[in-house]
Amino acid sequence: MRIAYFHPKSQVKIIDTWNVSGMRGTGSHDIEVEDLFVPEEHTFSALDRRARVTGPMNRMHGFDLAGCGFCCVGLGVARAAIDEFVELAQVKVPRMSSDLLRERPMVQARIGEAEARLRSGRAFLFDTVQQMWETVLAGDFVTERQRSDLRMAMTHAAQSAAQATHMVCATAGTTSIFNSSPLERYARDAEVVTRHNQLQFVNYEAVGRTMLGLESNSPLF
C-alpha cells in the first residue's frame, strides 16, 4: 500500500460514505481523483520504516504514532462520560426511589470501577510510550518488542475506555439513551474507536505471538 500527496486539493472529489453510528465528526469519507499523475517521489510505502527526516519522532513507526492518537480519543471519550455521569448522579432521582443516584452503593462501586479501568489503561499507555521515547531520544530505533508492547497498550487503552464508558452509561439508566444526553453520543463514539484496525481485540493475538517467541502475524508491527 502506498500513500500519495498531491496539489491542488481541488482535483479531489469527496464521496460521502462516512455514514456511521459514532465518531461522525471525523468526516472520514472516501476520496476520488481522475486522470491524475502522481510522481513516485510524491508517494511512499505505508509499511516503510525508513525515516526521511532526522529527529527522535522519526525513529518511531508511523503506524505507532497514529495508533496512539486513535486510542487517546477513546480515553478522552471515557473521561467525558465519567465526568458527565458524576454530574448526573448529583441531581438524578431514579424512578421508584427517593434517593439521589449517587446514594446507591452499586452506583458508587460502578463509578469507582469505571475510573480504575480508565486510569489503568491510560497509565499503561503513557508508561509504554515513555519507554519508547527514551529509546529514540538516546538515538536508537524502537525494538520489535517495544512495538508489540505499544500495540498491547493501545488496544488495552481503547478497550478499557470503551468498557468504562459503557459502564457509566448503563448505570445512568434511561437517561443515557436519549439524544439530548451527551452519554448517548459517548457510548457510540467509544464503541467506534475500538473498531479501528489498530485497536481491535484481535491485536492481542499478534502480541501474544511475539511474547511466545513467534513472528507477529500482523502487518502493523
Protein backbone atom coordinates (compact mmCIF):
# COMPACT_ATOMS: atom_id res chain seq x y z
CA MET A 1 0.00 0.00 0.00
CA ARG A 2 1.38 3.39 -0.99
CA ILE A 3 0.31 6.82 0.19
CA ALA A 4 0.41 9.76 -2.19
CA TYR A 5 0.19 13.51 -1.77
CA PHE A 6 -0.72 15.95 -4.49
CA HIS A 7 -1.78 19.52 -5.13
CA PRO A 8 -4.15 21.26 -5.61
CA LYS A 9 -6.85 19.68 -3.48
CA SER A 10 -9.49 20.92 -5.92
CA GLN A 11 -8.67 17.83 -8.01
CA VAL A 12 -10.18 15.63 -5.32
CA LYS A 13 -13.81 14.62 -5.18
CA ILE A 14 -15.08 13.75 -1.70
CA ILE A 15 -17.50 10.82 -1.69
CA ASP A 16 -19.96 10.93 1.19
CA THR A 17 -19.50 7.44 2.63
CA TRP A 18 -18.94 8.11 6.35
CA ASN A 19 -22.49 7.31 7.46
CA VAL A 20 -21.75 5.68 10.79
CA SER A 21 -23.09 5.33 14.32
CA GLY A 22 -20.25 7.08 16.12
CA MET A 23 -17.25 9.35 15.55
CA ARG A 24 -19.29 11.11 12.90
CA GLY A 25 -17.38 14.34 13.29
CA THR A 26 -14.18 12.90 11.81
CA GLY A 27 -15.66 13.05 8.33
CA SER A 28 -13.61 10.04 7.22
CA HIS A 29 -15.10 9.94 3.76
CA ASP A 30 -13.62 8.31 0.67
CA ILE A 31 -11.99 10.45 -2.00
CA GLU A 32 -11.71 10.06 -5.75
CA VAL A 33 -9.34 11.52 -8.33
CA GLU A 34 -9.41 11.02 -12.09
CA ASP A 35 -6.67 11.25 -14.72
CA LEU A 36 -4.09 12.44 -12.21
CA PHE A 37 -0.41 11.55 -12.49
CA VAL A 38 1.45 11.43 -9.18
CA PRO A 39 5.27 11.27 -9.41
CA GLU A 40 6.85 8.42 -7.48
CA GLU A 41 8.76 10.88 -5.31
CA HIS A 42 5.38 12.12 -4.07
CA THR A 43 4.47 8.66 -2.76
CA PHE A 44 5.74 6.39 -0.03
CA SER A 45 5.01 2.95 1.33
CA ALA A 46 2.85 2.86 4.44
CA LEU A 47 4.95 -0.08 5.66
CA ASP A 48 8.35 1.53 5.00
CA ARG A 49 10.16 2.16 8.28
CA ARG A 50 12.98 4.28 6.90
CA ALA A 51 12.97 7.80 8.30
CA ARG A 52 13.06 10.54 5.68
CA VAL A 53 13.95 13.29 8.12
CA THR A 54 16.03 13.21 11.25
CA GLY A 55 14.75 13.53 14.79
CA PRO A 56 13.58 11.29 17.64
CA MET A 57 9.98 11.02 16.48
CA ASN A 58 11.11 9.81 13.07
CA ARG A 59 12.68 6.76 14.69
CA MET A 60 9.16 5.63 15.58
CA HIS A 61 6.87 3.94 13.06
CA GLY A 62 4.04 5.99 11.60
CA PHE A 63 1.50 3.29 12.47
CA ASP A 64 2.55 3.54 16.11
CA LEU A 65 2.20 7.32 16.21
CA ALA A 66 -1.21 7.18 14.55
CA GLY A 67 -2.42 4.40 16.84
CA CYS A 68 -1.52 6.43 19.91
CA GLY A 69 -3.70 9.25 18.66
CA PHE A 70 -6.62 6.95 17.90
CA CYS A 71 -6.69 5.29 21.31
CA CYS A 72 -6.33 8.63 23.09
CA VAL A 73 -9.63 9.63 21.50
CA GLY A 74 -11.22 6.72 23.35
CA LEU A 75 -9.58 7.79 26.59
CA GLY A 76 -10.96 11.29 26.14
CA VAL A 77 -14.45 9.98 25.46
CA ALA A 78 -14.35 7.86 28.62
CA ARG A 79 -13.12 10.82 30.67
CA ALA A 80 -16.00 12.93 29.41
CA ALA A 81 -18.51 10.13 30.04
CA ILE A 82 -17.41 9.62 33.64
CA ASP A 83 -17.44 13.35 34.34
CA GLU A 84 -20.90 13.67 32.80
CA PHE A 85 -22.17 10.78 34.91
CA VAL A 86 -20.79 12.30 38.11
CA GLU A 87 -22.75 15.49 37.41
CA LEU A 88 -25.88 13.50 36.63
CA ALA A 89 -25.59 11.49 39.84
CA GLN A 90 -25.76 14.71 41.88
CA VAL A 91 -29.27 15.56 40.68
CA LYS A 92 -31.00 12.45 39.33
CA VAL A 93 -33.50 10.64 41.50
CA PRO A 94 -34.31 7.33 39.79
CA ARG A 95 -37.93 6.38 39.39
CA MET A 96 -39.39 4.42 42.30
CA SER A 97 -36.70 5.86 44.57
CA SER A 98 -36.39 8.79 46.96
CA ASP A 99 -32.58 8.87 46.96
CA LEU A 100 -30.21 10.54 44.56
CA LEU A 101 -28.38 8.27 42.15
CA ARG A 102 -25.12 8.94 43.96
CA GLU A 103 -26.50 7.43 47.18
CA ARG A 104 -26.78 3.93 45.74
CA PRO A 105 -23.91 1.59 46.76
CA MET A 106 -23.96 -0.09 43.35
CA VAL A 107 -23.54 3.27 41.65
CA GLN A 108 -20.64 4.14 43.92
CA ALA A 109 -18.91 0.86 43.09
CA ARG A 110 -19.54 1.24 39.36
CA ILE A 111 -18.12 4.74 39.12
CA GLY A 112 -15.06 3.61 41.06
CA GLU A 113 -14.54 0.64 38.75
CA ALA A 114 -15.01 2.77 35.65
CA GLU A 115 -12.43 5.27 36.88
CA ALA A 116 -9.99 2.45 37.60
CA ARG A 117 -10.41 1.00 34.11
CA LEU A 118 -9.83 4.38 32.50
CA ARG A 119 -6.80 5.30 34.58
CA SER A 120 -5.17 1.88 34.29
CA GLY A 121 -5.49 1.93 30.51
CA ARG A 122 -4.11 5.46 30.35
CA ALA A 123 -1.21 4.72 32.72
CA PHE A 124 -0.16 1.60 30.80
CA LEU A 125 -0.21 3.51 27.52
CA PHE A 126 1.73 6.51 28.83
CA ASP A 127 4.32 4.31 30.54
CA THR A 128 4.90 2.33 27.34
CA VAL A 129 5.19 5.47 25.21
CA GLN A 130 7.61 6.99 27.73
CA GLN A 131 9.92 3.98 27.44
CA MET A 132 9.87 4.21 23.65
CA TRP A 133 10.52 7.94 23.78
CA GLU A 134 13.57 7.42 25.98
CA THR A 135 14.86 4.91 23.44
CA VAL A 136 14.60 7.27 20.47
CA LEU A 137 15.99 10.20 22.47
CA ALA A 138 19.09 8.07 23.01
CA GLY A 139 19.47 7.82 19.24
CA ASP A 140 18.19 4.27 18.88
CA PHE A 141 15.25 2.83 16.99
CA VAL A 142 12.44 1.19 18.91
CA THR A 143 12.63 -2.59 19.13
CA GLU A 144 10.06 -5.08 17.88
CA ARG A 145 9.23 -5.95 21.48
CA GLN A 146 8.62 -2.30 22.27
CA ARG A 147 6.30 -2.01 19.29
CA SER A 148 4.49 -5.14 20.44
CA ASP A 149 4.13 -3.67 23.92
CA LEU A 150 2.75 -0.46 22.43
CA ARG A 151 0.22 -2.38 20.35
CA MET A 152 -0.89 -4.13 23.51
CA ALA A 153 -1.09 -0.87 25.46
CA MET A 154 -3.04 0.93 22.73
CA THR A 155 -5.53 -1.89 22.37
CA HIS A 156 -5.93 -2.16 26.12
CA ALA A 157 -6.43 1.60 26.47
CA ALA A 158 -9.15 1.72 23.81
CA GLN A 159 -10.93 -1.40 25.05
CA SER A 160 -10.75 -0.30 28.70
CA ALA A 161 -12.00 3.17 27.81
CA ALA A 162 -14.99 1.69 25.99
CA GLN A 163 -15.75 -0.58 28.93
CA ALA A 164 -15.62 2.35 31.34
CA THR A 165 -17.88 4.40 29.08
CA HIS A 166 -20.47 1.66 28.69
CA MET A 167 -20.34 1.01 32.42
CA VAL A 168 -21.38 4.54 33.38
CA CYS A 169 -23.90 4.76 30.55
CA ALA A 170 -25.62 1.61 31.77
CA THR A 171 -25.56 2.86 35.35
CA ALA A 172 -27.15 6.14 34.26
CA GLY A 173 -30.30 4.25 33.26
CA THR A 174 -32.61 5.51 30.55
CA THR A 175 -31.03 8.97 30.69
CA SER A 176 -28.16 7.72 28.55
CA ILE A 177 -30.36 6.58 25.65
CA PHE A 178 -31.85 9.99 24.85
CA ASN A 179 -30.31 12.06 22.07
CA SER A 180 -30.37 15.03 24.42
CA SER A 181 -27.84 13.32 26.72
CA PRO A 182 -24.11 13.51 25.92
CA LEU A 183 -23.83 9.98 27.31
CA GLU A 184 -25.74 8.64 24.32
CA ARG A 185 -23.10 10.02 21.97
CA TYR A 186 -20.20 8.97 24.19
CA ALA A 187 -21.40 5.36 24.13
CA ARG A 188 -21.45 5.32 20.33
CA ASP A 189 -18.12 7.08 19.95
CA ALA A 190 -16.34 4.82 22.44
CA GLU A 191 -17.52 1.72 20.59
CA VAL A 192 -16.46 3.01 17.18
CA VAL A 193 -12.94 3.73 18.45
CA THR A 194 -12.50 0.04 19.27
CA ARG A 195 -13.43 -0.89 15.70
CA HIS A 196 -10.29 0.70 14.26
CA ASN A 197 -7.96 -1.98 12.93
CA GLN A 198 -5.16 -0.76 15.20
CA LEU A 199 -7.30 -1.11 18.33
CA GLN A 200 -9.40 -4.22 17.77
CA PHE A 201 -9.30 -7.05 20.30
CA VAL A 202 -7.66 -9.33 17.71
CA ASN A 203 -4.42 -7.35 18.13
CA TYR A 204 -3.82 -9.26 21.34
CA GLU A 205 -3.19 -12.36 19.21
CA ALA A 206 -0.24 -10.75 17.45
CA VAL A 207 1.09 -9.50 20.78
CA GLY A 208 0.80 -12.96 22.29
CA ARG A 209 2.71 -14.48 19.38
CA THR A 210 5.68 -12.18 19.95
CA MET A 211 5.61 -12.92 23.68
CA LEU A 212 5.78 -16.65 22.91
CA GLY A 213 8.74 -16.24 20.57
CA LEU A 214 6.76 -16.45 17.33
CA GLU A 215 6.71 -13.97 14.47
CA SER A 216 3.88 -11.49 14.50
CA ASN A 217 1.08 -12.27 12.07
CA SER A 218 0.12 -8.60 11.81
CA PRO A 219 1.40 -6.11 9.20
CA LEU A 220 1.11 -3.38 11.83
CA PHE A 221 4.36 -4.45 13.52
